[in-house]
């Protein structure tokens, strides 16, 4: 669904994006190390992918590791990267068998070779799957994504392949990591925080947002269904106006 579509009641979202937040707080509340929160968060990720497919979501984008997350303590970064590796190694065959296509968005130029190989393997193995698309935002920051797209257009303009005056929204969008995907209709953030933390800034321009107090390790099917139900009650106007109600309908 795009901003050019007519206003109306929200339908079932095709593309749902989730900012997975609250692993550390989940662990702290239980007197556990942060690493245990991340382990439980990975379990919640697996459940979210399964639930999304069963609930009819065709594209699920998960904010797994931001460009800013590199600032965390080295031990935590190393642990998170280890979880990513184990996820690919353990879950890829199951995702492939279930018809899930895996896509990874985010910068790749500075990734370690072993991590880059995992990313490329996940995409290559599942590239022809069509049942559902799992988009993993890894080493991702929306501002970085837009800068990378702008650099591509600047290089094209400098070489004469693109007229600067011809650059429009569609042309910039075609250079984003999500160029071949529809924008998300629904963005969910867990843990009670009410910010989007540099996530899909361009793509979420007309998304509906649901901020839930549920910490990510506790984000189960019921929480997913509650977010979808809240979305279903929204009116999608895209800068337009609500449809007027004819109060004479049914009047004698």
Protein backbone atom coordinates (compact mmCIF):
# COMPACT_ATOMS: atom_id res chain seq x y z
CA UNK A 1 0.00 0.00 0.00
CA UNK A 2 1.39 3.38 -0.91
CA UNK A 3 0.58 7.00 -0.29
CA UNK A 4 -1.02 7.25 -3.70
CA UNK A 5 -3.81 4.86 -2.84
CA UNK A 6 -7.24 6.07 -1.79
CA UNK A 7 -8.05 6.42 1.90
CA UNK A 8 -10.07 3.78 3.67
CA UNK A 9 -10.22 1.24 6.45
CA UNK A 10 -6.95 -0.61 7.03
CA UNK A 11 -6.89 -4.04 5.45
CA UNK A 12 -4.74 -6.94 6.60
CA UNK A 13 -1.13 -5.79 6.28
CA UNK A 14 1.01 -7.45 3.63
CA UNK A 15 4.26 -6.14 5.12
CA UNK A 16 4.87 -5.90 8.87
CA UNK A 17 8.11 -4.54 10.32
CA UNK A 18 9.14 -5.02 13.94
CA UNK A 19 11.65 -3.20 16.11
CA UNK A 20 12.59 -5.99 18.51
CA UNK A 21 13.36 -4.25 21.79
CA UNK A 22 13.56 -5.21 25.43
CA UNK A 23 15.90 -8.22 25.65
CA UNK A 24 18.14 -6.55 28.20
CA UNK A 25 15.28 -5.32 30.37
CA UNK A 26 13.63 -8.73 30.22
CA UNK A 27 16.80 -10.29 31.62
CA UNK A 28 17.33 -7.54 34.21
CA UNK A 29 13.82 -7.95 35.60
CA UNK A 30 14.61 -11.63 36.19
CA UNK A 31 18.07 -11.11 37.61
CA UNK A 32 19.63 -12.77 34.57
CA UNK A 33 22.57 -11.71 32.39
CA UNK A 34 21.80 -9.72 29.24
CA UNK A 35 22.98 -12.64 27.15
CA UNK A 36 20.08 -14.72 28.42
CA UNK A 37 17.71 -11.99 27.28
CA UNK A 38 19.22 -12.14 23.80
CA UNK A 39 18.88 -15.95 23.76
CA UNK A 40 15.21 -15.66 24.65
CA UNK A 41 14.87 -12.90 22.08
CA UNK A 42 16.08 -15.32 19.41
CA UNK A 43 13.38 -17.76 20.45
CA UNK A 44 10.82 -14.96 20.12
CA UNK A 45 12.20 -14.20 16.65
CA UNK A 46 11.66 -17.80 15.57
CA UNK A 47 8.11 -17.70 16.94
CA UNK A 48 7.39 -14.38 15.21
CA UNK A 49 8.38 -15.78 11.82
CA UNK A 50 6.15 -18.80 12.34
CA UNK A 51 3.24 -16.71 13.60
CA UNK A 52 3.57 -14.19 10.77
CA UNK A 53 3.23 -16.94 8.20
CA UNK A 54 0.22 -18.44 9.94
CA UNK A 55 -1.42 -15.01 10.32
CA UNK A 56 -1.13 -14.22 6.61
CA UNK A 57 1.73 -11.72 6.70
CA UNK A 58 3.65 -12.02 3.42
CA UNK A 59 6.68 -9.90 4.34
CA UNK A 60 8.14 -9.66 7.84
CA UNK A 61 11.02 -7.26 8.43
CA UNK A 62 12.92 -7.56 11.70
CA UNK A 63 15.35 -4.95 13.01
CA UNK A 64 18.04 -7.30 14.28
CA UNK A 65 21.22 -5.21 14.48
CA UNK A 66 21.57 -1.49 13.80
CA UNK A 67 24.56 0.50 12.67
CA UNK A 68 24.54 2.03 16.15
CA UNK A 69 24.68 -1.38 17.89
CA UNK A 70 28.40 -1.63 17.11
CA UNK A 71 28.86 0.86 19.97
CA UNK A 72 27.79 -1.72 22.52
CA UNK A 73 30.43 -3.55 24.60
CA UNK A 74 32.57 -5.83 22.43
CA UNK A 75 31.50 -8.92 24.37
CA UNK A 76 27.82 -8.20 23.71
CA UNK A 77 28.43 -7.48 20.01
CA UNK A 78 30.35 -10.74 19.70
CA UNK A 79 27.53 -12.63 21.40
CA UNK A 80 24.90 -11.08 19.13
CA UNK A 81 26.92 -11.97 16.03
CA UNK A 82 27.23 -15.50 17.36
CA UNK A 83 23.45 -15.70 17.70
CA UNK A 84 23.09 -14.56 14.09
CA UNK A 85 25.47 -17.28 12.94
CA UNK A 86 23.66 -19.95 14.93
CA UNK A 87 20.32 -18.75 13.60
CA UNK A 88 21.45 -19.11 10.00
CA UNK A 89 23.19 -22.41 10.59
CA UNK A 90 20.33 -23.95 12.58
CA UNK A 91 17.22 -22.39 11.04
CA UNK A 92 18.04 -21.87 7.38
CA UNK A 93 17.09 -25.37 6.25
CA UNK A 94 13.79 -25.16 8.12
CA UNK A 95 12.99 -21.74 6.66
CA UNK A 96 13.85 -22.99 3.20
CA UNK A 97 11.63 -26.06 3.60
CA UNK A 98 8.78 -23.78 4.71
CA UNK A 99 9.08 -21.69 1.54
CA UNK A 100 10.48 -18.62 3.28
CA UNK A 101 12.72 -16.32 1.30
CA UNK A 102 15.41 -14.60 3.38
CA UNK A 103 16.55 -11.10 2.52
CA UNK A 104 19.13 -9.07 4.41
CA UNK A 105 19.16 -5.27 4.25
CA UNK A 106 21.88 -2.99 5.52
CA UNK A 107 25.43 -2.06 4.67
CA UNK A 108 27.75 -4.88 3.66
CA UNK A 109 31.04 -3.23 2.74
CA UNK A 110 32.44 -3.41 6.27
CA UNK A 111 31.10 -6.81 7.32
CA UNK A 112 33.56 -9.49 8.39
CA UNK A 113 34.06 -12.11 5.65
CA UNK A 114 32.46 -14.94 7.67
CA UNK A 115 29.37 -12.85 8.41
CA UNK A 116 29.10 -11.76 4.77
CA UNK A 117 29.29 -15.40 3.65
CA UNK A 118 26.41 -16.28 5.99
CA UNK A 119 24.30 -13.42 4.66
CA UNK A 120 24.94 -14.35 1.04
CA UNK A 121 24.32 -18.04 1.71
CA UNK A 122 20.96 -17.39 3.36
CA UNK A 123 19.83 -15.27 0.42
CA UNK A 124 21.12 -17.64 -2.24
CA UNK A 125 19.62 -20.81 -0.76
CA UNK A 126 16.15 -19.27 -0.35
CA UNK A 127 16.02 -16.89 -3.32
CA UNK A 128 13.30 -18.79 -5.22
CA UNK A 129 10.94 -19.24 -2.27
CA UNK A 130 7.60 -17.47 -2.51
CA UNK A 131 5.47 -18.36 0.52
CA UNK A 132 6.79 -15.57 2.72
CA UNK A 133 9.74 -13.17 2.80
CA UNK A 134 11.76 -12.68 5.97
CA UNK A 135 13.76 -9.45 5.78
CA UNK A 136 16.55 -9.20 8.34
CA UNK A 137 17.78 -5.65 8.90
CA UNK A 138 21.39 -6.25 9.89
CA UNK A 139 24.06 -3.56 10.16
CA UNK A 140 21.16 -1.37 9.13
CA UNK A 141 20.46 2.29 9.67
CA UNK A 142 17.92 4.20 7.62
CA UNK A 143 20.06 7.32 7.33
CA UNK A 144 22.98 5.20 6.13
CA UNK A 145 20.67 3.51 3.61
CA UNK A 146 19.49 6.86 2.23
CA UNK A 147 23.05 8.16 2.04
CA UNK A 148 24.12 5.07 0.10
CA UNK A 149 21.21 5.56 -2.30
CA UNK A 150 22.06 9.25 -2.73
CA UNK A 151 25.67 8.39 -3.51
CA UNK A 152 24.56 5.99 -6.23
CA UNK A 153 22.42 8.69 -7.82
CA UNK A 154 25.21 11.26 -7.47
CA UNK A 155 27.63 8.92 -9.25
CA UNK A 156 25.08 8.27 -11.99
CA UNK A 157 24.51 12.01 -12.43
CA UNK A 158 28.25 12.74 -12.48
CA UNK A 159 28.76 10.17 -15.23
CA UNK A 160 25.91 11.56 -17.29
CA UNK A 161 23.71 8.48 -16.92
CA UNK A 162 21.07 10.42 -14.96
CA UNK A 163 19.87 13.97 -15.36
CA UNK A 164 19.80 15.63 -11.91
CA UNK A 165 16.46 17.24 -12.72
CA UNK A 166 15.00 13.80 -13.44
CA UNK A 167 15.71 12.48 -9.94
CA UNK A 168 12.42 11.93 -8.13
CA UNK A 169 11.06 9.87 -5.26
CA UNK A 170 10.71 6.73 -7.37
CA UNK A 171 14.30 6.94 -8.57
CA UNK A 172 15.65 7.32 -5.05
CA UNK A 173 13.43 4.51 -3.78
CA UNK A 174 14.81 2.25 -6.51
CA UNK A 175 18.27 2.60 -4.94
CA UNK A 176 17.18 1.67 -1.42
CA UNK A 177 17.82 -1.77 0.05
CA UNK A 178 14.08 -2.48 -0.18
CA UNK A 179 13.72 -1.44 -3.82
CA UNK A 180 11.76 -4.51 -4.91
CA UNK A 181 9.46 -4.68 -1.87
CA UNK A 182 6.28 -2.85 -0.91
CA UNK A 183 6.52 -0.42 1.99
CA UNK A 184 5.44 -1.74 5.41
CA UNK A 185 1.87 -0.93 6.35
CA UNK A 186 2.49 -1.69 10.01
CA UNK A 187 5.54 -1.06 12.21
CA UNK A 188 5.54 -2.60 15.68
CA UNK A 189 7.92 -1.67 18.47
CA UNK A 190 8.08 -3.72 21.62
CA UNK A 191 9.16 -2.80 25.18
CA UNK A 192 7.11 0.40 25.55
CA UNK A 193 9.57 2.70 23.81
CA UNK A 194 7.89 5.16 21.43
CA UNK A 195 10.58 5.97 18.88
CA UNK A 196 11.65 4.34 15.62
CA UNK A 197 15.43 4.45 16.13
CA UNK A 198 16.58 5.08 12.56
CA UNK A 199 14.48 2.23 11.14
CA UNK A 200 12.91 2.38 7.66
CA UNK A 201 12.57 6.17 7.76
CA UNK A 202 11.73 6.40 4.05
CA UNK A 203 9.61 3.25 3.78
CA UNK A 204 7.55 3.92 6.92
CA UNK A 205 6.40 7.37 5.81
CA UNK A 206 2.76 6.20 5.76
CA UNK A 207 2.97 3.16 8.01
CA UNK A 208 0.77 2.70 11.03
CA UNK A 209 2.71 2.33 14.29
CA UNK A 210 1.85 0.12 17.22
CA UNK A 211 3.92 0.58 20.38
CA UNK A 212 3.41 -2.27 22.80
CA UNK A 213 4.73 -2.53 26.37
CA UNK A 214 5.48 -6.22 25.81
CA UNK A 215 9.21 -6.93 26.01
CA UNK A 216 10.52 -8.71 22.94
CA UNK A 217 11.17 -12.13 24.56
CA UNK A 218 7.50 -12.14 25.62
CA UNK A 219 6.16 -11.14 22.19
CA UNK A 220 4.06 -14.22 21.49
CA UNK A 221 1.22 -14.99 19.11
CA UNK A 222 -1.33 -13.21 21.30
CA UNK A 223 0.77 -10.02 21.23
CA UNK A 224 1.17 -10.31 17.45
CA UNK A 225 -2.57 -10.77 17.00
CA UNK A 226 -3.27 -7.78 19.27
CA UNK A 227 -1.02 -5.56 17.11
CA UNK A 228 -2.77 -6.74 13.94
CA UNK A 229 -6.16 -6.09 15.53
CA UNK A 230 -5.11 -2.57 16.47
CA UNK A 231 -3.95 -1.99 12.91
CA UNK A 232 -7.26 -3.27 11.55
CA UNK A 233 -9.08 -0.58 13.53
CA UNK A 234 -7.09 2.25 11.97
CA UNK A 235 -8.22 4.41 9.08
CA UNK A 236 -5.62 4.81 6.35
CA UNK A 237 -5.92 8.32 4.85
CA UNK A 238 -2.49 8.92 3.21
CA UNK A 239 -2.89 12.67 3.56
CA UNK A 240 -6.48 12.56 2.27
CA UNK A 241 -9.69 12.89 4.20
CA UNK A 242 -12.09 10.43 5.72
CA UNK A 243 -15.00 9.23 3.65
CA UNK A 244 -18.04 11.31 4.64
CA UNK A 245 -20.83 9.50 6.43
CA UNK A 246 -24.24 9.89 4.76
CA UNK A 247 -26.51 10.32 7.73
CA UNK A 248 -29.60 10.11 5.51
CA UNK A 249 -28.93 6.51 4.59
CA UNK A 250 -31.80 4.41 5.93
CA UNK A 251 -33.85 7.44 6.93
CA UNK A 252 -37.53 7.40 6.20
